[in-house]
Structure formats: C-alpha cells, structure tokens
Amino acid sequence: MRVEIRCPVRPTEDPARVREAVLNIFPNIDPATTQEEISAESSGRSPVSWLRQMIHDSRTIDATRVVLESGWDGVSATLVLDKQAAYMGKLRLVHDDVHPPLGAITVTLYFDGTGEFQEFIRWFTPPTRDGRIVGQF
C-alpha cells in the first residue's frame, strides 16, 4: 500500500500552520512544504496509524468505511479531511458536496489489488455492531 497526502496552502495562509494541521493527523510523516502545498508520500500502514486511532476514538468507523468502499476504483481510495478541524487536532471527514473554504487534506491510498484493499479495510475500519468493533483485527 502506498499513501499520498496533499494539502493546499492558500495565499492568505501561513505554510507552517498548514503543516501543523497535517502533522496533527499524520505525526508519522515528514511532509514537504512549499508556498503552495504540503505533501508527503509513503508506504505501509504507519503513516495512517494515527488517523486510524482518531477514527476509532471519534466512533466514525462505519462512516469512514462507507467513504472508502464507495470511492474504491480498483486501484485507489480517497479520504478528504477538513484542514481547519485538523489544525485544532480534530477529525472531520469532508463529503463530496461540501467544500471547506480553506481547502482540505486529501489522503489517497493506493493498493496492489482488491485483496490488499479488503485487508486494509478490515484493519482500518473493522466491522462494528451497535458501535462496537466485532472480532479482533
């Protein structure tokens, strides 16, 4: 699995603050910073392990799974996170019809195939029942 993280820096924003927003959600990465974008690429689950924990803590496992599965195109799936919420250390998924004024953090996950994607889904957003994780993953 390969992870690609991209976050625009608007002309009115301080790149250091946008970098901080990204690092609040992805503390295991070392993003490249320019005046236009904060970005990072990595492989494996480590870059998204903190995000996974935030999803579990905020009890948005089912919603996140739906977003990932509905966006799966056979190669990749994407999560879009609110940049302002991330700056405050909070997690907020952005839906296709909502566009935050300052932009968003886009997380694109690339997989070698459906099997790797399904294995990731079981780890990242395991099945739940009545708000509790079912089984050990």
C-alpha atoms as a PDB file:
ATOM      1  CA  MET A   1       0.000   0.000   0.000  1.00  0.00           C
ATOM      2  CA  ARG A   2       1.143   3.499  -0.831  1.00  0.00           C
ATOM      3  CA  VAL A   3      -0.141   6.666   0.871  1.00  0.00           C
ATOM      4  CA  GLU A   4      -0.191  10.098  -0.727  1.00  0.00           C
ATOM      5  CA  ILE A   5      -1.134  13.167   1.351  1.00  0.00           C
ATOM      6  CA  ARG A   6      -1.756  16.568  -0.246  1.00  0.00           C
ATOM      7  CA  CYS A   7      -2.941  19.824   1.294  1.00  0.00           C
ATOM      8  CA  PRO A   8      -3.095  23.179  -0.498  1.00  0.00           C
ATOM      9  CA  VAL A   9      -1.692  26.318   1.090  1.00  0.00           C
ATOM     10  CA  ARG A  10      -3.869  29.302   0.257  1.00  0.00           C
ATOM     11  CA  PRO A  11      -2.143  32.686  -0.356  1.00  0.00           C
ATOM     12  CA  THR A  12      -3.547  34.024   2.939  1.00  0.00           C
ATOM     13  CA  GLU A  13      -2.293  31.045   4.971  1.00  0.00           C
ATOM     14  CA  ASP A  14       0.965  30.502   6.805  1.00  0.00           C
ATOM     15  CA  PRO A  15       2.580  27.312   5.398  1.00  0.00           C
ATOM     16  CA  ALA A  16       3.862  26.453   8.907  1.00  0.00           C
ATOM     17  CA  ARG A  17       0.299  26.376  10.253  1.00  0.00           C
ATOM     18  CA  VAL A  18      -0.937  24.250   7.374  1.00  0.00           C
ATOM     19  CA  ARG A  19       1.996  21.898   8.004  1.00  0.00           C
ATOM     20  CA  GLU A  20       0.944  21.745  11.667  1.00  0.00           C
ATOM     21  CA  ALA A  21      -2.600  20.806  10.635  1.00  0.00           C
ATOM     22  CA  VAL A  22      -1.268  17.934   8.524  1.00  0.00           C
ATOM     23  CA  LEU A  23       1.072  16.765  11.290  1.00  0.00           C
ATOM     24  CA  ASN A  24      -1.793  16.792  13.820  1.00  0.00           C
ATOM     25  CA  ILE A  25      -3.390  13.985  11.814  1.00  0.00           C
ATOM     26  CA  PHE A  26      -0.230  12.376  10.393  1.00  0.00           C
ATOM     27  CA  PRO A  27       2.537  12.712  13.022  1.00  0.00           C
ATOM     28  CA  ASN A  28       4.457   9.772  11.487  1.00  0.00           C
ATOM     29  CA  ILE A  29       5.312  11.602   8.254  1.00  0.00           C
ATOM     30  CA  ASP A  30       7.823  14.250   7.216  1.00  0.00           C
ATOM     31  CA  PRO A  31       5.946  16.339   4.661  1.00  0.00           C
ATOM     32  CA  ALA A  32       7.498  18.536   2.019  1.00  0.00           C
ATOM     33  CA  THR A  33       6.468  22.159   2.437  1.00  0.00           C
ATOM     34  CA  THR A  34       6.165  24.753  -0.309  1.00  0.00           C
ATOM     35  CA  GLN A  35       4.266  28.032  -0.522  1.00  0.00           C
ATOM     36  CA  GLU A  36       1.545  26.200  -2.489  1.00  0.00           C
ATOM     37  CA  GLU A  37       1.263  22.749  -0.899  1.00  0.00           C
ATOM     38  CA  ILE A  38       2.133  20.437   1.959  1.00  0.00           C
ATOM     39  CA  SER A  39       2.654  16.908   0.642  1.00  0.00           C
ATOM     40  CA  ALA A  40       4.013  13.519   1.600  1.00  0.00           C
ATOM     41  CA  GLU A  41       4.247  10.056   0.114  1.00  0.00           C
ATOM     42  CA  SER A  42       4.983   6.874   1.989  1.00  0.00           C
ATOM     43  CA  SER A  43       4.245   3.182   2.012  1.00  0.00           C
ATOM     44  CA  GLY A  44       2.721   0.852   4.556  1.00  0.00           C
ATOM     45  CA  ARG A  45       0.228   1.464   7.325  1.00  0.00           C
ATOM     46  CA  SER A  46       2.425   3.521   9.632  1.00  0.00           C
ATOM     47  CA  PRO A  47       1.555   6.896   8.044  1.00  0.00           C
ATOM     48  CA  VAL A  48      -2.173   6.338   8.658  1.00  0.00           C
ATOM     49  CA  SER A  49      -1.993   4.632  12.062  1.00  0.00           C
ATOM     50  CA  TRP A  50      -2.706   7.876  13.976  1.00  0.00           C
ATOM     51  CA  LEU A  51      -5.601   8.659  11.621  1.00  0.00           C
ATOM     52  CA  ARG A  52      -6.938   5.153  12.259  1.00  0.00           C
ATOM     53  CA  GLN A  53      -6.841   5.763  16.008  1.00  0.00           C
ATOM     54  CA  MET A  54      -8.649   9.095  15.596  1.00  0.00           C
ATOM     55  CA  ILE A  55     -11.348   7.391  13.524  1.00  0.00           C
ATOM     56  CA  HIS A  56     -11.813   4.739  16.195  1.00  0.00           C
ATOM     57  CA  ASP A  57     -11.812   7.299  19.037  1.00  0.00           C
ATOM     58  CA  SER A  58     -14.346   9.526  17.279  1.00  0.00           C
ATOM     59  CA  ARG A  59     -16.533   6.495  16.526  1.00  0.00           C
ATOM     60  CA  THR A  60     -16.673   7.268  12.809  1.00  0.00           C
ATOM     61  CA  ILE A  61     -15.548   3.793  11.736  1.00  0.00           C
ATOM     62  CA  ASP A  62     -18.691   2.978   9.760  1.00  0.00           C
ATOM     63  CA  ALA A  63     -18.837   6.361   8.003  1.00  0.00           C
ATOM     64  CA  THR A  64     -15.166   6.120   7.049  1.00  0.00           C
ATOM     65  CA  ARG A  65     -15.612   2.576   5.721  1.00  0.00           C
ATOM     66  CA  VAL A  66     -18.546   3.702   3.566  1.00  0.00           C
ATOM     67  CA  VAL A  67     -16.476   6.566   2.103  1.00  0.00           C
ATOM     68  CA  LEU A  68     -13.524   4.287   1.343  1.00  0.00           C
ATOM     69  CA  GLU A  69     -15.597   1.478  -0.154  1.00  0.00           C
ATOM     70  CA  SER A  70     -17.761   3.796  -2.255  1.00  0.00           C
ATOM     71  CA  GLY A  71     -14.642   5.531  -3.593  1.00  0.00           C
ATOM     72  CA  TRP A  72     -12.693   2.328  -4.347  1.00  0.00           C
ATOM     73  CA  ASP A  73     -11.907   2.293  -8.066  1.00  0.00           C
ATOM     74  CA  GLY A  74      -9.882  -0.912  -8.180  1.00  0.00           C
ATOM     75  CA  VAL A  75      -6.580   0.908  -7.630  1.00  0.00           C
ATOM     76  CA  SER A  76      -7.121   3.614  -5.028  1.00  0.00           C
ATOM     77  CA  ALA A  77      -9.496   5.143  -2.496  1.00  0.00           C
ATOM     78  CA  THR A  78      -9.504   8.683  -1.132  1.00  0.00           C
ATOM     79  CA  LEU A  79     -10.385  10.337   2.160  1.00  0.00           C
ATOM     80  CA  VAL A  80     -10.835  14.099   2.357  1.00  0.00           C
ATOM     81  CA  LEU A  81     -10.329  15.747   5.753  1.00  0.00           C
ATOM     82  CA  ASP A  82     -11.208  19.260   6.891  1.00  0.00           C
ATOM     83  CA  LYS A  83      -7.986  21.283   7.218  1.00  0.00           C
ATOM     84  CA  GLN A  84      -9.330  23.682   9.880  1.00  0.00           C
ATOM     85  CA  ALA A  85     -10.509  20.814  12.088  1.00  0.00           C
ATOM     86  CA  ALA A  86      -7.116  19.140  11.652  1.00  0.00           C
ATOM     87  CA  TYR A  87      -5.378  22.316  12.798  1.00  0.00           C
ATOM     88  CA  MET A  88      -7.377  22.039  16.033  1.00  0.00           C
ATOM     89  CA  GLY A  89      -6.402  18.366  16.355  1.00  0.00           C
ATOM     90  CA  LYS A  90      -9.886  17.179  15.409  1.00  0.00           C
ATOM     91  CA  LEU A  91     -11.048  14.828  12.695  1.00  0.00           C
ATOM     92  CA  ARG A  92     -13.812  15.775  10.281  1.00  0.00           C
ATOM     93  CA  LEU A  93     -14.470  13.889   7.065  1.00  0.00           C
ATOM     94  CA  VAL A  94     -15.430  16.091   4.150  1.00  0.00           C
ATOM     95  CA  HIS A  95     -18.099  14.828   1.780  1.00  0.00           C
ATOM     96  CA  ASP A  96     -18.099  15.420  -1.954  1.00  0.00           C
ATOM     97  CA  ASP A  97     -20.778  18.110  -1.781  1.00  0.00           C
ATOM     98  CA  VAL A  98     -19.070  20.130   0.981  1.00  0.00           C
ATOM     99  CA  HIS A  99     -16.021  22.228   0.187  1.00  0.00           C
ATOM    100  CA  PRO A 100     -14.242  23.814   3.177  1.00  0.00           C
ATOM    101  CA  PRO A 101     -13.320  27.445   2.493  1.00  0.00           C
ATOM    102  CA  LEU A 102      -9.606  26.877   3.144  1.00  0.00           C
ATOM    103  CA  GLY A 103      -9.411  23.586   1.321  1.00  0.00           C
ATOM    104  CA  ALA A 104      -8.868  20.110   2.659  1.00  0.00           C
ATOM    105  CA  ILE A 105      -6.287  17.446   3.315  1.00  0.00           C
ATOM    106  CA  THR A 106      -6.596  14.758   0.647  1.00  0.00           C
ATOM    107  CA  VAL A 107      -5.386  11.282   1.528  1.00  0.00           C
ATOM    108  CA  THR A 108      -5.145   8.884  -1.407  1.00  0.00           C
ATOM    109  CA  LEU A 109      -4.450   5.229  -0.656  1.00  0.00           C
ATOM    110  CA  TYR A 110      -3.103   3.041  -3.474  1.00  0.00           C
ATOM    111  CA  PHE A 111      -3.345  -0.755  -3.360  1.00  0.00           C
ATOM    112  CA  ASP A 112      -1.971  -3.645  -5.414  1.00  0.00           C
ATOM    113  CA  GLY A 113      -5.457  -5.090  -5.767  1.00  0.00           C
ATOM    114  CA  THR A 114      -8.800  -5.805  -4.167  1.00  0.00           C
ATOM    115  CA  GLY A 115      -7.316  -8.307  -1.712  1.00  0.00           C
ATOM    116  CA  GLU A 116      -4.893  -5.755  -0.263  1.00  0.00           C
ATOM    117  CA  PHE A 117      -7.687  -3.158  -0.135  1.00  0.00           C
ATOM    118  CA  GLN A 118     -10.033  -5.530   1.722  1.00  0.00           C
ATOM    119  CA  GLU A 119      -7.299  -6.463   4.201  1.00  0.00           C
ATOM    120  CA  PHE A 120      -6.651  -2.759   4.831  1.00  0.00           C
ATOM    121  CA  ILE A 121     -10.380  -2.071   5.324  1.00  0.00           C
ATOM    122  CA  ARG A 122     -10.600  -4.867   7.930  1.00  0.00           C
ATOM    123  CA  TRP A 123      -7.687  -3.279   9.826  1.00  0.00           C
ATOM    124  CA  PHE A 124      -8.533   0.413   9.323  1.00  0.00           C
ATOM    125  CA  THR A 125     -12.331   0.285   9.682  1.00  0.00           C
ATOM    126  CA  PRO A 126     -13.253  -3.132  11.114  1.00  0.00           C
ATOM    127  CA  PRO A 127     -16.842  -4.340  11.219  1.00  0.00           C
ATOM    128  CA  THR A 128     -18.931  -2.957  14.066  1.00  0.00           C
ATOM    129  CA  ARG A 129     -22.199  -3.818  15.732  1.00  0.00           C
ATOM    130  CA  ASP A 130     -24.034  -1.307  17.920  1.00  0.00           C
ATOM    131  CA  GLY A 131     -20.999   0.977  17.767  1.00  0.00           C
ATOM    132  CA  ARG A 132     -18.521  -1.654  18.959  1.00  0.00           C
ATOM    133  CA  ILE A 133     -15.864  -3.454  16.948  1.00  0.00           C
ATOM    134  CA  VAL A 134     -16.785  -7.063  16.219  1.00  0.00           C
ATOM    135  CA  GLY A 135     -13.866  -9.527  16.400  1.00  0.00           C
ATOM    136  CA  GLN A 136     -10.144  -8.874  16.634  1.00  0.00           C
ATOM    137  CA  PHE A 137      -8.308  -7.195  13.750  1.00  0.00           C
END
